[in-house]
């Protein structure tokens, strides 16, 4: 069974009264792999939404994200504040499987509008928080001689630097493969340079990785540690 038919069968089995459903993720793009699953957003009138679940159907791994119209808006609003909204993108770029009352088309249009507008502007404090965290990792990396600790410091440094590049570039964030895909658009070649820097580091040369991280930091004032201060909550 192909991806679209399999997704429709899942919705018909578990939620035959659904108002609308989307199929998102890699299966509807040219990046599909043998391990790609079916990411299905289902819109209901009410209970048992909202919930998410992982299951298997006709040999397909499936993840379902079940919402009402109200919970869809609530979840999207919360995710947008974090500058990363998988739900929004599944409805923006996904395939509308069916739409019984127009809700699917309405949410798809809203999702496309929101994704095109981009994430919220980042504050100066948030920029400084990231600069501080990355600077601290650079210092840890330079001063550490334990190989197992170095590995985790370096990989955390790569991840945070990639996310920071997206932040200062005004881009939506992403995790895992989506971090690399967002970087391809926002900061071409950075993902590969971070990859190469990490490989060089594992071979015993720290300088290439440090250089690419510093290039990202230099776009917003460079390293920041001395003078960093944040108030706490009483």
Foldseek 3Di string as FASTA:
>chain_A
DQLLVQQVVVCCVPPVQWQWKWWFDDSVDPNDDPQDATEMETEHQDPPDQDWDWDADPNGTYIYGYHYLVVLVVQQVVQLQVLADPSLCRLQVTGTSDHNDCPSVVSNVVSVVVQVVAGDQDDPLVLLVLLQVLLVLVVCLVPDDDVVVNLVSLVVNLVSLLQSLCNVLRHRDDDDVVSVVRCCPRPNPLNVQSVVQSVVVNVPDNVSNVVSSQVSQVVPPGHDHPPDDDDDDD
